[in-house]
Structures are given as C-alpha cells and as structure tokens.
Amino acid sequence: MSDTDPTQNQDNSRRKLIAGLGVLSLFPIAKLATSFKNKEVIACAPEIKTVKFLTQDGTLVEVDVSKINGGKEKISNQALQNWVNKEL
C-alpha cells in the first residue's frame, strides 16, 4: 500500500482547489481587459437647427437657421398689426 499521510492528501486537494479558484478568477479580468478595445463609432447626421415661425395665415412652420437673413432689428407694434391684418 502507500505510505501517504491523510493530512498530506487533504493539503494537496486544498492546493488544487485554491489553484482552480485562482484560474477561474482570471476569466473576469481577461474579459475586462478585452472590453477596453476601441469600439467603432457610428457617425450620425448633423443636427439641423430650426426655428419656428408663425406665417400670416396662422400656421406654424419650421425654418432652417441657415435660410434666415441676418436682420435682427425689432419691429414696432403698429408694423406687426399691419402685417397680421394685411391678408384679412
């Protein structure tokens, strides 16, 4: 028969168990390391900025900012009332 001690046999099985757990603990670390790869970025269409305007007939329309002239002057109340009543 063999001259192995039962306590030595338990130590070997514990060492194997600890080694197995150590190897299994490396899998999440490997997964974490592979997740830091550069991912492809999908280019989206550029957002078109629009502004809402009210037309003379009362409908609301959206107009691209690039289509609007740079006139930033304020109009008087009388001019606005004349513009609204122009078609009526």
N, C-alpha and C. Protein backbone atom coordinates (compact mmCIF):
# COMPACT_ATOMS: atom_id res chain seq x y z
N MET A 1 0.81 -1.17 0.00
CA MET A 1 0.00 0.00 0.00
C MET A 1 0.86 1.24 0.00
N SER A 2 0.24 2.37 0.13
CA SER A 2 1.03 3.60 0.05
C SER A 2 1.30 4.16 1.43
N ASP A 3 2.39 4.90 1.52
CA ASP A 3 2.77 5.50 2.79
C ASP A 3 2.32 6.95 2.89
N THR A 4 1.35 7.37 2.12
CA THR A 4 0.91 8.78 2.15
C THR A 4 0.08 9.03 3.39
N ASP A 5 0.29 10.18 3.92
CA ASP A 5 -0.40 10.60 5.13
C ASP A 5 -1.75 11.20 4.75
N PRO A 6 -2.85 10.94 5.48
CA PRO A 6 -4.15 11.53 5.13
C PRO A 6 -4.14 13.05 5.20
N THR A 7 -3.36 13.64 6.08
CA THR A 7 -3.31 15.11 6.14
C THR A 7 -2.60 15.68 4.93
N GLN A 8 -1.63 14.98 4.41
CA GLN A 8 -0.93 15.44 3.21
C GLN A 8 -1.85 15.35 2.01
N ASN A 9 -2.71 14.34 1.98
CA ASN A 9 -3.68 14.19 0.89
C ASN A 9 -4.68 15.35 0.92
N GLN A 10 -5.11 15.77 2.14
CA GLN A 10 -6.02 16.90 2.26
C GLN A 10 -5.36 18.19 1.81
N ASP A 11 -4.10 18.38 2.13
CA ASP A 11 -3.37 19.57 1.73
C ASP A 11 -3.28 19.65 0.21
N ASN A 12 -3.02 18.52 -0.45
CA ASN A 12 -2.95 18.51 -1.91
C ASN A 12 -4.29 18.87 -2.54
N SER A 13 -5.36 18.35 -1.99
CA SER A 13 -6.67 18.67 -2.56
C SER A 13 -7.02 20.13 -2.32
N ARG A 14 -6.63 20.69 -1.18
CA ARG A 14 -6.86 22.12 -0.93
C ARG A 14 -6.06 22.98 -1.89
N ARG A 15 -4.84 22.59 -2.11
CA ARG A 15 -4.00 23.35 -3.05
C ARG A 15 -4.59 23.32 -4.45
N LYS A 16 -5.11 22.17 -4.85
CA LYS A 16 -5.74 22.06 -6.17
C LYS A 16 -6.99 22.94 -6.23
N LEU A 17 -7.75 22.95 -5.14
CA LEU A 17 -8.96 23.78 -5.10
C LEU A 17 -8.60 25.26 -5.18
N ILE A 18 -7.62 25.69 -4.44
CA ILE A 18 -7.20 27.09 -4.46
C ILE A 18 -6.63 27.46 -5.82
N ALA A 19 -5.86 26.57 -6.43
CA ALA A 19 -5.32 26.83 -7.77
C ALA A 19 -6.45 26.94 -8.79
N GLY A 20 -7.44 26.07 -8.68
CA GLY A 20 -8.59 26.12 -9.59
C GLY A 20 -9.36 27.41 -9.45
N LEU A 21 -9.58 27.86 -8.21
CA LEU A 21 -10.27 29.13 -7.98
C LEU A 21 -9.45 30.30 -8.50
N GLY A 22 -8.14 30.22 -8.38
CA GLY A 22 -7.28 31.28 -8.90
C GLY A 22 -7.38 31.38 -10.41
N VAL A 23 -7.40 30.23 -11.07
CA VAL A 23 -7.52 30.22 -12.54
C VAL A 23 -8.88 30.76 -12.95
N LEU A 24 -9.95 30.36 -12.25
CA LEU A 24 -11.28 30.85 -12.58
C LEU A 24 -11.43 32.35 -12.34
N SER A 25 -10.68 32.87 -11.37
CA SER A 25 -10.78 34.30 -11.11
C SER A 25 -10.09 35.13 -12.19
N LEU A 26 -9.28 34.51 -13.03
CA LEU A 26 -8.62 35.24 -14.11
C LEU A 26 -9.56 35.53 -15.29
N PHE A 27 -10.63 34.77 -15.43
CA PHE A 27 -11.54 34.97 -16.55
C PHE A 27 -12.21 36.34 -16.53
N PRO A 28 -12.75 36.82 -15.41
CA PRO A 28 -13.32 38.18 -15.44
C PRO A 28 -12.28 39.25 -15.73
N ILE A 29 -11.07 39.06 -15.25
CA ILE A 29 -10.01 40.03 -15.52
C ILE A 29 -9.68 40.05 -17.01
N ALA A 30 -9.64 38.87 -17.63
CA ALA A 30 -9.38 38.80 -19.07
C ALA A 30 -10.52 39.44 -19.86
N LYS A 31 -11.75 39.23 -19.41
CA LYS A 31 -12.90 39.83 -20.08
C LYS A 31 -12.86 41.35 -19.95
N LEU A 32 -12.47 41.84 -18.78
CA LEU A 32 -12.36 43.27 -18.57
C LEU A 32 -11.28 43.89 -19.45
N ALA A 33 -10.18 43.18 -19.62
CA ALA A 33 -9.08 43.69 -20.44
C ALA A 33 -9.48 43.76 -21.91
N THR A 34 -10.29 42.81 -22.38
CA THR A 34 -10.69 42.83 -23.79
C THR A 34 -11.81 43.82 -24.05
N SER A 35 -12.50 44.28 -23.02
CA SER A 35 -13.60 45.22 -23.24
C SER A 35 -13.10 46.64 -23.46
N PHE A 36 -11.81 46.91 -23.24
CA PHE A 36 -11.27 48.25 -23.43
C PHE A 36 -10.81 48.50 -24.86
N LYS A 37 -11.17 47.64 -25.79
CA LYS A 37 -10.82 47.87 -27.19
C LYS A 37 -11.55 49.11 -27.70
N ASN A 38 -10.99 49.73 -28.71
CA ASN A 38 -11.66 50.88 -29.32
C ASN A 38 -12.84 50.37 -30.12
N LYS A 39 -14.01 50.85 -29.76
CA LYS A 39 -15.21 50.44 -30.46
C LYS A 39 -15.46 51.40 -31.62
N GLU A 40 -16.04 50.87 -32.67
CA GLU A 40 -16.33 51.71 -33.82
C GLU A 40 -17.45 52.67 -33.49
N VAL A 41 -17.27 53.91 -33.87
CA VAL A 41 -18.27 54.93 -33.63
C VAL A 41 -19.04 55.15 -34.92
N ILE A 42 -20.33 55.08 -34.82
CA ILE A 42 -21.17 55.28 -36.00
C ILE A 42 -21.49 56.77 -36.08
N ALA A 43 -21.17 57.35 -37.21
CA ALA A 43 -21.40 58.78 -37.40
C ALA A 43 -22.88 59.03 -37.66
N CYS A 44 -23.42 59.99 -36.97
CA CYS A 44 -24.81 60.38 -37.15
C CYS A 44 -24.86 61.62 -38.04
N ALA A 45 -26.00 61.82 -38.62
CA ALA A 45 -26.18 63.01 -39.44
C ALA A 45 -26.16 64.24 -38.54
N PRO A 46 -25.57 65.32 -39.01
CA PRO A 46 -25.54 66.53 -38.17
C PRO A 46 -26.95 67.06 -37.96
N GLU A 47 -27.18 67.55 -36.76
CA GLU A 47 -28.50 68.09 -36.46
C GLU A 47 -28.67 69.44 -37.16
N ILE A 48 -29.81 69.60 -37.78
CA ILE A 48 -30.12 70.85 -38.46
C ILE A 48 -30.91 71.70 -37.49
N LYS A 49 -30.41 72.88 -37.21
CA LYS A 49 -31.10 73.78 -36.28
C LYS A 49 -32.22 74.48 -37.02
N THR A 50 -33.38 74.43 -36.41
CA THR A 50 -34.55 75.08 -36.99
C THR A 50 -35.16 76.04 -35.99
N VAL A 51 -35.91 76.98 -36.54
CA VAL A 51 -36.62 77.98 -35.74
C VAL A 51 -38.08 77.95 -36.17
N LYS A 52 -38.99 78.06 -35.21
CA LYS A 52 -40.42 78.05 -35.53
C LYS A 52 -40.88 79.49 -35.77
N PHE A 53 -41.65 79.64 -36.86
CA PHE A 53 -42.20 80.95 -37.22
C PHE A 53 -43.69 80.81 -37.46
N LEU A 54 -44.39 81.89 -37.21
CA LEU A 54 -45.83 81.94 -37.48
C LEU A 54 -46.04 82.70 -38.78
N THR A 55 -46.74 82.08 -39.72
CA THR A 55 -46.99 82.73 -41.01
C THR A 55 -48.20 83.64 -40.89
N GLN A 56 -48.47 84.39 -41.96
CA GLN A 56 -49.58 85.33 -41.94
C GLN A 56 -50.93 84.63 -41.83
N ASP A 57 -51.03 83.42 -42.37
CA ASP A 57 -52.31 82.72 -42.29
C ASP A 57 -52.47 81.95 -40.98
N GLY A 58 -51.50 82.05 -40.07
CA GLY A 58 -51.63 81.47 -38.74
C GLY A 58 -51.06 80.08 -38.59
N THR A 59 -50.38 79.56 -39.59
CA THR A 59 -49.77 78.24 -39.45
C THR A 59 -48.36 78.37 -38.91
N LEU A 60 -47.95 77.37 -38.16
CA LEU A 60 -46.63 77.37 -37.56
C LEU A 60 -45.71 76.54 -38.46
N VAL A 61 -44.59 77.12 -38.88
CA VAL A 61 -43.65 76.43 -39.76
C VAL A 61 -42.26 76.44 -39.13
N GLU A 62 -41.45 75.43 -39.46
CA GLU A 62 -40.07 75.38 -39.00
C GLU A 62 -39.16 75.72 -40.18
N VAL A 63 -38.22 76.62 -39.95
CA VAL A 63 -37.33 77.10 -41.00
C VAL A 63 -35.90 76.87 -40.54
N ASP A 64 -35.03 76.42 -41.47
CA ASP A 64 -33.62 76.26 -41.14
C ASP A 64 -33.01 77.62 -40.81
N VAL A 65 -32.12 77.61 -39.83
CA VAL A 65 -31.48 78.85 -39.41
C VAL A 65 -30.61 79.39 -40.54
N SER A 66 -30.05 78.52 -41.37
CA SER A 66 -29.18 78.97 -42.45
C SER A 66 -29.96 79.72 -43.54
N LYS A 67 -31.27 79.53 -43.61
CA LYS A 67 -32.08 80.19 -44.63
C LYS A 67 -32.56 81.58 -44.21
N ILE A 68 -32.35 81.93 -42.96
CA ILE A 68 -32.86 83.20 -42.45
C ILE A 68 -31.81 84.29 -42.65
N ASN A 69 -32.27 85.46 -43.09
CA ASN A 69 -31.37 86.61 -43.22
C ASN A 69 -30.95 87.09 -41.84
N GLY A 70 -29.88 87.83 -41.78
CA GLY A 70 -29.35 88.29 -40.51
C GLY A 70 -30.05 89.49 -39.92
N GLY A 71 -31.22 89.89 -40.42
CA GLY A 71 -31.91 91.07 -39.90
C GLY A 71 -32.39 90.84 -38.48
N LYS A 72 -31.75 91.48 -37.53
CA LYS A 72 -32.11 91.30 -36.12
C LYS A 72 -32.75 92.56 -35.56
N GLU A 73 -33.37 93.36 -36.37
CA GLU A 73 -33.95 94.59 -35.88
C GLU A 73 -35.39 94.33 -35.41
N LYS A 74 -35.77 95.01 -34.37
CA LYS A 74 -37.12 94.85 -33.82
C LYS A 74 -38.09 95.68 -34.64
N ILE A 75 -39.32 95.18 -34.72
CA ILE A 75 -40.35 95.94 -35.42
C ILE A 75 -41.29 96.54 -34.39
N SER A 76 -42.01 97.52 -34.81
CA SER A 76 -42.94 98.19 -33.89
C SER A 76 -44.25 97.40 -33.82
N ASN A 77 -45.04 97.70 -32.81
CA ASN A 77 -46.34 97.04 -32.67
C ASN A 77 -47.26 97.36 -33.84
N GLN A 78 -47.19 98.60 -34.31
CA GLN A 78 -48.03 99.02 -35.43
C GLN A 78 -47.68 98.25 -36.70
N ALA A 79 -46.37 98.05 -36.95
CA ALA A 79 -45.96 97.30 -38.14
C ALA A 79 -46.40 95.83 -38.03
N LEU A 80 -46.36 95.27 -36.84
CA LEU A 80 -46.81 93.89 -36.65
C LEU A 80 -48.31 93.78 -36.88
N GLN A 81 -49.06 94.71 -36.37
CA GLN A 81 -50.52 94.67 -36.56
C GLN A 81 -50.88 94.85 -38.03
N ASN A 82 -50.16 95.70 -38.74
CA ASN A 82 -50.40 95.87 -40.17
C ASN A 82 -50.07 94.61 -40.94
N TRP A 83 -49.01 93.91 -40.51
CA TRP A 83 -48.61 92.68 -41.20
C TRP A 83 -49.64 91.58 -40.99
N VAL A 84 -50.16 91.47 -39.77
CA VAL A 84 -51.17 90.46 -39.48
C VAL A 84 -52.46 90.76 -40.20
N ASN A 85 -52.87 92.00 -40.26
CA ASN A 85 -54.14 92.39 -40.88
C ASN A 85 -54.04 92.56 -42.39
N LYS A 86 -52.86 92.37 -42.97
CA LYS A 86 -52.65 92.59 -44.39
C LYS A 86 -53.51 91.65 -45.23
N GLU A 87 -53.58 90.37 -44.86
CA GLU A 87 -54.32 89.40 -45.64
C GLU A 87 -55.78 89.32 -45.23
N LEU A 88 -56.12 89.77 -44.05
CA LEU A 88 -57.50 89.65 -43.57
C LEU A 88 -58.36 90.68 -44.14
